[in-house]
Protein backbone atom coordinates (compact mmCIF):
# COMPACT_ATOMS: atom_id res chain seq x y z
CA UNK A 1 -71.09 13.19 -14.24
CA UNK A 2 -68.53 10.35 -14.55
CA UNK A 3 -66.20 10.58 -17.50
CA UNK A 4 -64.57 7.87 -19.59
CA UNK A 5 -60.85 8.53 -20.13
CA UNK A 6 -59.11 7.38 -23.31
CA UNK A 7 -55.64 8.89 -23.41
CA UNK A 8 -53.26 11.53 -22.14
CA UNK A 9 -51.30 13.68 -24.59
CA UNK A 10 -49.19 16.79 -24.61
CA UNK A 11 -51.24 19.98 -24.73
CA UNK A 12 -49.92 20.83 -28.20
CA UNK A 13 -51.06 17.50 -29.70
CA UNK A 14 -53.36 18.12 -32.72
CA UNK A 15 -56.17 16.11 -31.05
CA UNK A 16 -58.12 15.38 -34.21
CA UNK A 17 -61.28 13.95 -32.66
CA UNK A 18 -63.77 14.73 -35.41
CA UNK A 19 -65.68 11.73 -36.73
CA UNK A 20 -64.70 9.44 -33.85
CA UNK A 21 -67.38 7.52 -31.93
CA UNK A 22 -67.42 7.64 -28.14
CA UNK A 23 -67.50 4.47 -26.07
CA UNK A 24 -71.12 3.67 -25.34
CA UNK A 25 -72.37 4.73 -28.76
CA UNK A 26 -74.80 7.22 -27.22
CA UNK A 27 -73.98 10.08 -29.56
CA UNK A 28 -71.73 11.77 -27.02
CA UNK A 29 -68.81 13.70 -28.47
CA UNK A 30 -65.23 13.25 -27.46
CA UNK A 31 -63.65 16.27 -25.79
CA UNK A 32 -60.56 17.20 -23.82
CA UNK A 33 -59.71 18.11 -20.26
CA UNK A 34 -56.64 20.33 -20.23
CA UNK A 35 -54.07 21.38 -17.65
CA UNK A 36 -51.12 23.71 -18.11
CA UNK A 37 -49.11 21.18 -20.16
CA UNK A 38 -51.26 18.11 -20.79
CA UNK A 39 -54.60 17.07 -22.22
CA UNK A 40 -56.81 14.07 -21.54
CA UNK A 41 -59.29 12.83 -24.13
CA UNK A 42 -62.61 11.97 -22.48
CA UNK A 43 -66.31 11.49 -23.06
CA UNK A 44 -69.27 10.96 -20.78
CA UNK A 45 -69.06 7.48 -19.25
CA UNK A 46 -71.88 5.13 -20.30
CA UNK A 47 -73.96 3.82 -17.45
CA UNK A 48 -73.66 0.18 -18.56
CA UNK A 49 -69.96 0.13 -19.45
CA UNK A 50 -68.98 -3.34 -20.61
CA UNK A 51 -66.31 -4.62 -23.05
CA UNK A 52 -68.67 -4.98 -25.99
CA UNK A 53 -66.96 -5.36 -29.33
CA UNK A 54 -68.23 -2.04 -30.69
CA UNK A 55 -66.97 -0.17 -27.63
CA UNK A 56 -63.57 -1.87 -27.57
CA UNK A 57 -63.18 -0.97 -31.25
CA UNK A 58 -64.27 2.62 -30.57
CA UNK A 59 -61.69 2.89 -27.78
CA UNK A 60 -58.97 1.49 -30.05
CA UNK A 61 -59.87 3.81 -32.90
CA UNK A 62 -59.35 6.84 -30.66
CA UNK A 63 -55.89 5.58 -29.70
CA UNK A 64 -54.88 4.94 -33.29
CA UNK A 65 -56.06 8.36 -34.45
CA UNK A 66 -54.09 10.07 -31.69
CA UNK A 67 -50.99 7.92 -32.28
CA UNK A 68 -50.90 9.00 -35.91
CA UNK A 69 -50.23 12.59 -34.82
CA UNK A 70 -47.84 12.18 -31.91
CA UNK A 71 -47.00 10.47 -28.63
CA UNK A 72 -49.89 9.31 -26.49
CA UNK A 73 -50.34 7.61 -23.12
CA UNK A 74 -53.19 5.18 -23.88
CA UNK A 75 -55.35 4.00 -21.03
CA UNK A 76 -56.74 0.50 -21.25
CA UNK A 77 -60.41 -0.01 -21.93
CA UNK A 78 -62.76 0.78 -19.07
CA UNK A 79 -60.98 3.58 -17.20
CA UNK A 80 -63.33 6.17 -15.71
CA UNK A 81 -63.01 9.17 -13.39
CA UNK A 82 -65.64 10.89 -11.23
CA UNK A 83 -65.62 14.15 -13.22
CA UNK A 84 -63.49 16.58 -15.24
CA UNK A 85 -62.03 18.12 -12.10
CA UNK A 86 -60.66 14.76 -10.95
CA UNK A 87 -59.00 14.21 -14.33
CA UNK A 88 -57.47 17.69 -14.31
CA UNK A 89 -56.16 17.18 -10.78
CA UNK A 90 -54.30 14.04 -11.84
CA UNK A 91 -52.86 15.79 -14.90
CA UNK A 92 -51.51 18.53 -12.65
CA UNK A 93 -50.27 16.27 -9.83
CA UNK A 94 -48.41 13.88 -12.13
CA UNK A 95 -47.43 16.30 -14.88
CA UNK A 96 -43.69 15.64 -14.66
CA UNK A 97 -44.17 11.87 -14.78
CA UNK A 98 -46.53 12.03 -17.75
CA UNK A 99 -44.25 14.40 -19.67
CA UNK A 100 -41.35 12.01 -19.21
CA UNK A 101 -43.44 9.06 -20.39
CA UNK A 102 -44.59 10.97 -23.46
CA UNK A 103 -40.97 11.81 -24.25
CA UNK A 104 -39.99 8.13 -23.99
CA UNK A 105 -42.84 7.06 -26.29
CA UNK A 106 -42.29 9.70 -28.96
CA UNK A 107 -41.97 8.07 -32.37
CA UNK A 108 -42.67 4.57 -31.09
CA UNK A 109 -45.34 1.89 -31.33
CA UNK A 110 -45.89 -1.39 -29.54
CA UNK A 111 -45.54 -4.79 -31.20
CA UNK A 112 -46.74 -7.86 -29.34
CA UNK A 113 -45.24 -11.24 -30.20
CA UNK A 114 -46.65 -14.62 -29.19
CA UNK A 115 -44.93 -17.89 -30.10
CA UNK A 116 -46.19 -21.46 -29.74
CA UNK A 117 -44.27 -24.68 -30.45
CA UNK A 118 -46.23 -27.50 -32.06
CA UNK A 119 -46.40 -30.16 -29.36
CA UNK A 120 -46.01 -33.18 -31.65
CA UNK A 121 -43.07 -31.62 -33.47
CA UNK A 122 -41.34 -30.77 -30.22
CA UNK A 123 -41.83 -34.25 -28.78
CA UNK A 124 -40.45 -35.84 -31.95
CA UNK A 125 -37.41 -33.59 -31.80
CA UNK A 126 -36.81 -34.47 -28.14
CA UNK A 127 -37.05 -38.21 -28.84
CA UNK A 128 -34.63 -37.85 -31.74
CA UNK A 129 -32.05 -35.77 -29.89
CA UNK A 130 -32.20 -36.94 -26.24
CA UNK A 131 -30.71 -40.42 -25.81
CA UNK A 132 -31.93 -40.86 -22.23
CA UNK A 133 -35.53 -40.01 -23.04
CA UNK A 134 -35.52 -42.08 -26.22
CA UNK A 135 -34.09 -45.12 -24.41
CA UNK A 136 -36.59 -44.88 -21.57
CA UNK A 137 -39.46 -44.53 -24.03
CA UNK A 138 -38.31 -47.65 -25.90
CA UNK A 139 -38.13 -49.63 -22.67
CA UNK A 140 -41.68 -48.65 -21.77
CA UNK A 141 -43.00 -49.48 -25.24
CA UNK A 142 -41.17 -52.81 -25.16
CA UNK A 143 -42.98 -53.85 -22.00
CA UNK A 144 -39.86 -54.14 -19.85
CA UNK A 145 -40.51 -51.01 -17.79
CA UNK A 146 -40.88 -50.82 -14.03
CA UNK A 147 -44.04 -49.14 -12.65
CA UNK A 148 -42.25 -45.87 -11.93
CA UNK A 149 -40.75 -45.48 -15.43
CA UNK A 150 -43.74 -43.72 -17.08
CA UNK A 151 -43.72 -41.09 -14.36
CA UNK A 152 -39.96 -40.68 -14.73
CA UNK A 153 -40.34 -40.32 -18.49
CA UNK A 154 -43.06 -37.71 -18.09
CA UNK A 155 -40.90 -35.67 -15.73
CA UNK A 156 -37.89 -35.85 -18.05
CA UNK A 157 -39.96 -34.77 -21.06
CA UNK A 158 -41.60 -31.91 -19.14
CA UNK A 159 -38.19 -30.63 -18.04
CA UNK A 160 -36.78 -30.91 -21.56
CA UNK A 161 -39.78 -29.10 -23.04
CA UNK A 162 -39.41 -26.26 -20.57
CA UNK A 163 -35.65 -26.01 -21.12
CA UNK A 164 -36.00 -25.85 -24.89
CA UNK A 165 -38.86 -23.36 -24.80
CA UNK A 166 -36.99 -21.07 -22.44
CA UNK A 167 -33.86 -21.22 -24.55
CA UNK A 168 -35.69 -20.48 -27.79
CA UNK A 169 -37.75 -17.72 -26.17
CA UNK A 170 -34.64 -16.05 -24.78
CA UNK A 171 -32.94 -16.29 -28.17
CA UNK A 172 -35.90 -14.68 -29.93
CA UNK A 173 -36.02 -11.78 -27.48
CA UNK A 174 -32.27 -11.21 -27.66
CA UNK A 175 -32.38 -11.17 -31.46
CA UNK A 176 -35.17 -8.56 -31.51
CA UNK A 177 -34.01 -6.45 -28.57
CA UNK A 178 -31.46 -4.36 -30.56
CA UNK A 179 -34.35 -2.95 -32.61
CA UNK A 180 -36.58 -2.07 -29.64
CA UNK A 181 -36.39 0.74 -27.14
CA UNK A 182 -37.86 -1.50 -24.43
CA UNK A 183 -39.56 -4.87 -23.97
CA UNK A 184 -41.96 -6.34 -21.45
CA UNK A 185 -42.71 -10.05 -21.05
CA UNK A 186 -46.10 -11.30 -19.89
CA UNK A 187 -47.21 -14.76 -18.80
CA UNK A 188 -47.94 -16.87 -21.91
CA UNK A 189 -51.32 -18.59 -22.16
CA UNK A 190 -52.54 -21.75 -23.86
CA UNK A 191 -49.93 -23.38 -26.08
CA UNK A 192 -47.76 -20.25 -26.20
CA UNK A 193 -44.35 -20.35 -24.53
CA UNK A 194 -43.51 -16.72 -25.29
CA UNK A 195 -45.55 -13.55 -24.90
CA UNK A 196 -43.60 -10.30 -25.09
CA UNK A 197 -44.25 -6.70 -26.10
CA UNK A 198 -41.61 -4.53 -27.78
CA UNK A 199 -41.53 -0.75 -27.91
CA UNK A 200 -40.22 -0.15 -31.44
CA UNK A 201 -38.91 3.16 -32.71
CA UNK A 202 -40.25 4.15 -36.11
CA UNK A 203 -36.70 4.37 -37.46
CA UNK A 204 -36.04 0.70 -36.55
CA UNK A 205 -39.43 -0.73 -37.44
CA UNK A 206 -38.31 -2.14 -40.79
CA UNK A 207 -35.35 -3.99 -39.26
CA UNK A 208 -37.49 -5.25 -36.38
CA UNK A 209 -40.09 -6.69 -38.76
CA UNK A 210 -37.46 -8.19 -41.05
CA UNK A 211 -35.67 -9.85 -38.13
CA UNK A 212 -38.92 -11.25 -36.75
CA UNK A 213 -39.75 -12.72 -40.14
CA UNK A 214 -36.27 -14.21 -40.43
CA UNK A 215 -36.59 -15.85 -37.02
CA UNK A 216 -39.97 -17.31 -37.95
CA UNK A 217 -38.51 -18.73 -41.18
CA UNK A 218 -35.54 -20.23 -39.33
CA UNK A 219 -37.69 -22.33 -37.01
CA UNK A 220 -39.96 -23.33 -39.87
CA UNK A 221 -43.38 -24.83 -39.37
CA UNK A 222 -42.59 -26.18 -35.89
CA UNK A 223 -43.33 -22.82 -34.28
CA UNK A 224 -46.22 -20.45 -34.78
CA UNK A 225 -45.17 -16.77 -34.66
CA UNK A 226 -48.04 -14.27 -34.19
CA UNK A 227 -47.03 -10.63 -34.29
CA UNK A 228 -49.58 -7.89 -33.60
CA UNK A 229 -48.84 -4.24 -34.30
CA UNK A 230 -48.29 -1.45 -34.57
CA UNK A 231 -50.36 -0.97 -31.42
CA UNK A 232 -50.83 1.83 -28.90
CA UNK A 233 -48.07 1.36 -26.29
CA UNK A 234 -50.35 0.04 -23.53
CA UNK A 235 -47.60 -2.19 -22.08
CA UNK A 236 -45.23 0.73 -21.57
CA UNK A 237 -47.56 3.19 -19.80
């Protein structure tokens, strides 16, 4: 029977699985598949596996319980394997790689930061600080513009927006990087111009959080900082 795979841990991990609900909510118990040095936490895979809220929460709860007791390699929601034997074969074939990853994640958690810049605030700042853009905008509003001026203005503004967002994003990452063991950027969505995950050591968590808060206060209400964590280190597995 197909199995749903949650995480990989060292064999000596406490693996406190009591009271946890399996994905699928069918009353199945969580259990482990074990090799010589590693364990995988699994349950029977539901036949209609979909990212329902209850199942995503059940998956996350398993990760958080395991994280509380030691390093874990969390798999993202929806990972299945044909059977226990297939899981064990992977644990054995990639044992050295998984041990090294567990070592790198020991005592760490993931924090994910997204930042958006209020569009109106940014445009006002650009008009105040960029003489060329401000002058062109005044010409257009005064009715003395040539037909190609609006397009030129739009291109100049778009370039300035991108330049400022990239500069601020790079500055934020550089300020937080000393307190992280690793970082991974992902493509921002919507109004966000920055989306980055940090692998933060427990011993530096306080400084990381304090620095993030300081950065958010420095930019004021113009930017929206949204920090999620501590999370299972999905981005670093």
